[in-house]
Amino acid sequence: MAMRLTKEILASIPSGALSAVLREHGWRELTSNRPALSLWAPAEGSDPSELVLVPLDHTFDDFTLRLSEAIRRLARVLELTPDELAQDLITAASDILRFRADHETRSDGSIPLIDGVPLFQGIRGALLASAKAVEERRSYFGNAYWKQAQAFLRHARLGQTETGSYVVKVLARAATPETADVGDQVVTPGIDSRDRATVLMLLRAFAAARDATATFREGGEFTVFGDAVEDGVSADLCDAIVLMVDVETSHGVRIDATWSPLAHTPAAVPTQIKFSSEDIEPLKEASKRLRAGHNRLSCLNAVFMNPPLAMRYME
């Protein structure tokens, strides 16, 4: 069913979202002598008659009418439905992670429930491991930093599923309503939110795990996984990736990231990473070794924090 551009839907769109999307698509703002409105022209080479008038002042009686008209006009130019564009605008304050499962889907895009549950569990595990790695790099976390990781999960949201194999969409805040409420200006926060920091950690850790797995398959040592701990790789993350991939009908999973147009775009961060069934066994072994290494280190720390026990250990 199509989503109507109701007052409730329009009120859910963050301030500055429409202007940010226009700028993202190459539109330019024209000078205007009306402070409550901004006028946007398409990129060079486009139809100059397709101007978009963006209302800026929520207190004006015709604000929702003008915003609805602007969305419909831009949607036509971008070859989207007004519903699709409105949904993009509503989520403009969030970074979007898409987990595309390369499963043997039916024609309706569905996958067996027995395979879908591990996919969601793996996504949850990877997000938890990354939120913990923001606090400290470790080869294994277990229950450490549980409260901090749970806080991220409470903020994150599951978006509507999408076509194209089987896609799970996770939304993570990149701009708060307070930082987004700046009229027609794109927000460039000086400090990332902890949710944005978790997304960055997740992508860097995924990339490091992928690279370590590829190096190992080419004849490298398992030490490459230990070296990747500084990039956020942990036994917990390896277990989560295995959960996402190691099912009967799966050929792999691809993670795609889309940055919020209301926050600055990070530099040198991978936005597309893929794992295949060939990665399962190396990741399982890496998890085992990373967990064992952490346990040995914990034992040594316990020994040397206890002087009498340390003396006996050194005899």
Protein backbone atom coordinates (compact mmCIF):
# COMPACT_ATOMS: atom_id res chain seq x y z
CA MET A 1 0.00 0.00 0.00
CA ALA A 2 1.33 3.44 -0.91
CA MET A 3 2.23 5.76 1.94
CA ARG A 4 0.30 9.03 1.89
CA LEU A 5 2.14 12.27 2.59
CA THR A 6 0.15 13.00 5.72
CA LYS A 7 0.95 15.72 8.25
CA GLU A 8 2.35 13.03 10.54
CA ILE A 9 4.70 11.73 7.84
CA LEU A 10 5.86 15.21 6.90
CA ALA A 11 6.40 16.12 10.57
CA SER A 12 8.75 13.10 10.87
CA ILE A 13 11.17 14.53 8.29
CA PRO A 14 14.19 16.17 10.02
CA SER A 15 14.86 19.82 9.34
CA GLY A 16 17.41 20.24 6.59
CA ALA A 17 16.81 16.75 5.17
CA LEU A 18 15.30 17.86 1.87
CA SER A 19 18.02 20.46 1.26
CA ALA A 20 20.69 17.88 2.14
CA VAL A 21 19.29 15.38 -0.38
CA LEU A 22 19.08 18.07 -3.05
CA ARG A 23 22.72 19.00 -2.45
CA GLU A 24 23.69 15.30 -2.47
CA HIS A 25 22.19 14.95 -5.96
CA GLY A 26 24.10 17.94 -7.28
CA TRP A 27 21.42 20.61 -7.04
CA ARG A 28 22.46 24.16 -6.22
CA GLU A 29 20.73 26.70 -4.05
CA LEU A 30 19.78 29.97 -5.72
CA THR A 31 19.72 33.29 -3.94
CA SER A 32 16.35 34.14 -2.48
CA ASN A 33 14.94 37.25 -0.85
CA ARG A 34 12.44 35.19 1.15
CA PRO A 35 14.02 33.89 4.38
CA ALA A 36 11.29 31.29 4.90
CA LEU A 37 11.97 29.61 1.55
CA SER A 38 14.97 28.36 -0.40
CA LEU A 39 14.99 27.82 -4.14
CA TRP A 40 16.97 24.97 -5.70
CA ALA A 41 17.95 24.39 -9.33
CA PRO A 42 18.99 21.04 -10.83
CA ALA A 43 22.53 20.21 -11.87
CA GLU A 44 23.80 21.61 -15.15
CA GLY A 45 22.44 19.72 -18.10
CA SER A 46 19.11 19.04 -16.38
CA ASP A 47 15.80 20.67 -17.19
CA PRO A 48 16.10 24.21 -15.73
CA SER A 49 12.30 24.41 -15.36
CA GLU A 50 12.43 21.75 -12.64
CA LEU A 51 13.01 24.11 -9.73
CA VAL A 52 12.22 23.02 -6.17
CA LEU A 53 11.00 25.44 -3.52
CA VAL A 54 11.90 24.23 -0.02
CA PRO A 55 10.00 25.67 2.97
CA LEU A 56 12.18 26.41 6.01
CA ASP A 57 9.85 27.74 8.70
CA HIS A 58 7.65 25.15 10.46
CA THR A 59 5.48 27.88 11.97
CA PHE A 60 3.99 28.96 8.62
CA ASP A 61 0.46 27.68 7.97
CA ASP A 62 1.32 26.42 4.49
CA PHE A 63 4.55 24.64 5.54
CA THR A 64 3.24 21.08 5.12
CA LEU A 65 1.56 21.93 1.80
CA ARG A 66 4.77 23.44 0.40
CA LEU A 67 6.91 20.55 1.73
CA SER A 68 4.56 18.02 0.14
CA GLU A 69 4.75 19.87 -3.18
CA ALA A 70 8.56 19.97 -3.01
CA ILE A 71 8.76 16.23 -2.30
CA ARG A 72 6.46 15.38 -5.20
CA ARG A 73 8.41 17.59 -7.60
CA LEU A 74 11.81 16.20 -6.59
CA ALA A 75 10.51 12.61 -6.60
CA ARG A 76 9.41 13.06 -10.21
CA VAL A 77 12.87 14.32 -11.21
CA LEU A 78 14.65 11.51 -9.34
CA GLU A 79 12.22 8.93 -10.79
CA LEU A 80 11.05 7.88 -7.34
CA THR A 81 7.58 7.70 -5.89
CA PRO A 82 6.78 10.41 -3.32
CA ASP A 83 6.50 7.57 -0.78
CA GLU A 84 10.05 6.36 -1.47
CA LEU A 85 11.53 9.84 -1.28
CA ALA A 86 9.62 10.63 1.93
CA GLN A 87 10.98 7.45 3.51
CA ASP A 88 14.54 8.43 2.52
CA LEU A 89 14.00 11.85 4.07
CA ILE A 90 12.60 10.44 7.31
CA THR A 91 15.75 8.34 7.76
CA ALA A 92 18.11 11.13 6.64
CA ALA A 93 19.53 11.56 10.15
CA SER A 94 20.68 7.92 10.17
CA ASP A 95 23.46 5.91 8.60
CA ILE A 96 22.01 2.86 6.88
CA LEU A 97 23.57 -0.61 6.91
CA ARG A 98 22.16 -3.12 4.44
CA PHE A 99 22.96 -6.79 5.01
CA ARG A 100 22.28 -8.53 1.70
CA ALA A 101 22.05 -12.27 2.16
CA ASP A 102 23.02 -14.21 -0.95
CA HIS A 103 20.51 -16.97 -0.28
CA GLU A 104 18.58 -19.24 -2.57
CA THR A 105 15.41 -17.15 -2.37
CA ARG A 106 12.00 -17.92 -3.74
CA SER A 107 10.37 -15.74 -6.38
CA ASP A 108 8.71 -13.74 -3.60
CA GLY A 109 12.12 -12.87 -2.10
CA SER A 110 11.64 -14.99 1.02
CA ILE A 111 14.17 -17.34 2.64
CA PRO A 112 13.59 -20.29 4.99
CA LEU A 113 12.96 -19.22 8.57
CA ILE A 114 15.60 -21.66 9.79
CA ASP A 115 18.19 -19.71 7.74
CA GLY A 116 16.80 -16.25 8.45
CA VAL A 117 17.08 -16.51 12.24
CA PRO A 118 20.91 -17.02 12.24
CA LEU A 119 21.21 -14.06 9.85
CA PHE A 120 19.51 -11.74 12.35
CA GLN A 121 21.47 -13.26 15.24
CA GLY A 122 24.72 -12.69 13.36
CA ILE A 123 23.84 -9.07 12.59
CA ARG A 124 23.04 -8.49 16.26
CA GLY A 125 26.29 -10.16 17.33
CA ALA A 126 28.38 -8.09 14.92
CA LEU A 127 26.79 -4.84 16.12
CA LEU A 128 27.37 -5.81 19.76
CA ALA A 129 31.02 -6.73 19.10
CA SER A 130 31.62 -3.42 17.32
CA ALA A 131 29.97 -1.35 20.04
CA LYS A 132 32.23 -3.07 22.58
CA ALA A 133 35.32 -2.50 20.43
CA VAL A 134 34.58 1.24 20.54
CA GLU A 135 35.25 1.00 24.28
CA GLU A 136 38.38 -1.18 24.04
CA ARG A 137 40.10 -3.43 21.49
CA ARG A 138 40.08 -7.03 22.69
CA SER A 139 40.46 -10.42 21.06
CA TYR A 140 37.41 -11.63 23.00
CA PHE A 141 34.68 -9.75 24.90
CA GLY A 142 32.13 -12.20 26.25
CA ASN A 143 29.96 -10.14 28.61
CA ALA A 144 32.38 -7.21 28.88
CA TYR A 145 30.93 -3.75 28.10
CA TRP A 146 27.45 -5.24 27.91
CA LYS A 147 25.65 -2.05 29.02
CA GLN A 148 27.39 0.09 26.41
CA ALA A 149 26.60 -2.39 23.65
CA GLN A 150 22.97 -2.69 24.72
CA ALA A 151 22.67 1.10 24.61
CA PHE A 152 23.60 1.03 20.92
CA LEU A 153 21.03 -1.69 20.20
CA ARG A 154 18.33 0.39 21.90
CA HIS A 155 19.11 3.33 19.58
CA ALA A 156 19.45 1.32 16.36
CA ARG A 157 16.36 0.49 14.33
CA LEU A 158 15.38 -2.17 11.82
CA GLY A 159 14.17 -0.58 8.60
CA GLN A 160 11.71 -1.95 6.09
CA THR A 161 13.00 -4.95 4.16
CA GLU A 162 13.98 -4.30 0.55
CA THR A 163 13.93 -6.19 -2.71
CA GLY A 164 17.15 -7.60 -4.11
CA SER A 165 17.86 -11.07 -2.68
CA TYR A 166 17.03 -10.76 1.04
CA VAL A 167 18.02 -7.45 2.60
CA VAL A 168 18.03 -6.56 6.30
CA LYS A 169 18.28 -2.81 6.85
CA VAL A 170 19.67 -1.34 10.08
CA LEU A 171 19.45 2.38 10.84
CA ALA A 172 21.93 3.99 13.23
CA ARG A 173 21.73 7.62 14.33
CA ALA A 174 24.36 9.89 12.81
CA ALA A 175 22.73 13.21 13.73
CA THR A 176 20.45 13.90 16.69
CA PRO A 177 17.29 15.99 16.24
CA GLU A 178 19.10 18.86 17.98
CA THR A 179 22.09 18.86 15.62
CA ALA A 180 19.87 18.30 12.57
CA ASP A 181 17.59 21.27 13.30
CA VAL A 182 19.61 23.85 11.39
CA GLY A 183 17.30 24.92 8.57
CA ASP A 184 18.79 24.40 5.14
CA GLN A 185 22.38 23.82 6.27
CA VAL A 186 24.00 20.39 6.18
CA VAL A 187 25.17 19.38 9.64
CA THR A 188 28.87 18.78 10.17
CA PRO A 189 29.14 17.77 13.83
CA GLY A 190 32.53 18.19 15.45
CA ILE A 191 32.24 14.92 17.34
CA ASP A 192 30.61 11.77 16.02
CA SER A 193 27.79 10.25 18.01
CA ARG A 194 28.62 6.93 19.67
CA ASP A 195 26.23 5.31 17.23
CA ARG A 196 28.23 6.66 14.28
CA ALA A 197 31.44 5.49 16.00
CA THR A 198 29.99 1.97 16.25
CA VAL A 199 29.10 1.94 12.55
CA LEU A 200 32.62 3.07 11.64
CA MET A 201 34.09 0.37 13.88
CA LEU A 202 31.83 -2.28 12.35
CA LEU A 203 32.86 -1.45 8.78
CA ARG A 204 36.57 -1.26 9.58
CA ALA A 205 36.42 -4.51 11.55
CA PHE A 206 34.52 -6.26 8.74
CA ALA A 207 37.11 -5.08 6.22
CA ALA A 208 39.99 -6.19 8.46
CA ALA A 209 38.40 -9.61 8.99
CA ARG A 210 37.83 -10.00 5.25
CA ASP A 211 41.43 -9.05 4.47
CA ALA A 212 42.81 -11.35 7.18
CA THR A 213 40.72 -14.23 5.85
CA ALA A 214 41.91 -13.61 2.29
CA THR A 215 45.55 -13.45 3.45
CA PHE A 216 45.19 -16.72 5.35
CA ARG A 217 43.58 -18.50 2.40
CA GLU A 218 46.56 -17.41 0.28
CA GLY A 219 48.97 -19.11 2.68
CA GLY A 220 49.30 -16.58 5.49
CA GLU A 221 49.52 -17.38 9.18
CA PHE A 222 46.72 -17.06 11.71
CA THR A 223 48.66 -14.20 13.26
CA VAL A 224 46.98 -11.94 10.69
CA PHE A 225 43.82 -12.20 12.77
CA GLY A 226 45.70 -11.20 15.91
CA ASP A 227 47.08 -8.19 14.08
CA ALA A 228 43.53 -7.24 13.07
CA VAL A 229 42.35 -6.94 16.69
CA GLU A 230 43.48 -3.31 16.68
CA ASP A 231 40.99 -2.74 13.82
CA GLY A 232 38.11 -4.16 15.85
CA VAL A 233 38.32 -7.85 14.96
CA SER A 234 37.47 -10.19 17.84
CA ALA A 235 36.35 -13.76 18.41
CA ASP A 236 32.87 -12.33 18.95
CA LEU A 237 32.90 -10.65 15.53
CA CYS A 238 34.18 -13.80 13.81
CA ASP A 239 31.39 -15.83 15.43
CA ALA A 240 28.82 -13.29 14.23
CA ILE A 241 30.05 -13.42 10.63
CA VAL A 242 29.96 -17.21 10.68
CA LEU A 243 26.34 -17.10 11.93
CA MET A 244 25.37 -14.86 8.99
CA VAL A 245 27.05 -17.05 6.37
CA ASP A 246 27.08 -20.64 7.66
CA VAL A 247 23.57 -21.77 6.66
CA GLU A 248 22.49 -24.35 4.13
CA THR A 249 21.00 -22.03 1.51
CA SER A 250 23.57 -19.21 1.83
CA HIS A 251 26.36 -18.34 -0.58
CA GLY A 252 27.47 -15.34 1.45
CA VAL A 253 26.47 -11.93 2.77
CA ARG A 254 27.30 -8.43 1.56
CA ILE A 255 27.27 -5.37 3.78
CA ASP A 256 26.57 -1.97 2.20
CA ALA A 257 26.69 1.34 4.08
CA THR A 258 24.99 4.61 3.14
CA TRP A 259 25.97 7.72 5.11
CA SER A 260 23.47 10.19 6.50
CA PRO A 261 23.34 13.35 4.37
CA LEU A 262 22.85 15.32 7.60
CA ALA A 263 26.26 14.36 8.96
CA HIS A 264 29.68 14.61 7.37
CA THR A 265 30.84 11.75 5.15
CA PRO A 266 33.73 9.79 6.70
CA ALA A 267 36.86 9.42 4.63
CA ALA A 268 38.67 6.15 3.84
CA VAL A 269 36.00 3.89 5.31
CA PRO A 270 34.89 0.87 3.24
CA THR A 271 31.19 0.95 2.40
CA GLN A 272 30.86 -2.48 0.78
CA ILE A 273 32.25 -5.72 2.24
CA LYS A 274 31.38 -9.29 1.30
CA PHE A 275 31.91 -12.65 3.00
CA SER A 276 31.40 -16.00 1.31
CA SER A 277 31.09 -19.61 2.39
CA GLU A 278 34.85 -20.00 1.77
CA ASP A 279 35.48 -17.72 4.76
CA ILE A 280 33.64 -19.91 7.28
CA GLU A 281 36.39 -22.33 8.34
CA PRO A 282 39.16 -19.69 8.66
CA LEU A 283 36.82 -17.51 10.73
CA LYS A 284 35.86 -20.43 12.98
CA GLU A 285 39.52 -21.22 13.64
CA ALA A 286 40.33 -17.53 14.14
CA SER A 287 37.56 -17.27 16.75
CA LYS A 288 38.93 -20.27 18.61
CA ARG A 289 42.49 -18.91 18.65
CA LEU A 290 41.50 -15.35 19.54
CA ARG A 291 39.42 -16.62 22.45
CA ALA A 292 42.25 -18.88 23.64
CA GLY A 293 44.76 -16.03 23.42
CA HIS A 294 42.51 -13.81 25.51
CA ASN A 295 42.08 -16.52 28.15
CA ARG A 296 45.85 -17.01 28.43
CA LEU A 297 46.37 -13.28 28.80
CA SER A 298 43.67 -13.08 31.46
CA CYS A 299 45.35 -15.87 33.43
CA LEU A 300 48.73 -14.12 33.26
CA ASN A 301 47.18 -10.83 34.37
CA ALA A 302 45.52 -12.57 37.30
CA VAL A 303 48.83 -14.14 38.30
CA PHE A 304 50.86 -10.95 38.19
CA MET A 305 48.19 -8.94 40.00
CA ASN A 306 48.70 -11.33 42.93
CA PRO A 307 52.35 -10.98 44.10
CA PRO A 308 52.51 -14.24 46.14
CA LEU A 309 51.02 -16.17 43.24
CA ALA A 310 53.38 -14.44 40.80
CA MET A 311 56.40 -15.48 42.88
CA ARG A 312 55.29 -19.11 42.82
CA TYR A 313 54.62 -18.84 39.06
CA MET A 314 58.19 -17.55 38.46
CA GLU A 315 59.92 -20.24 40.60
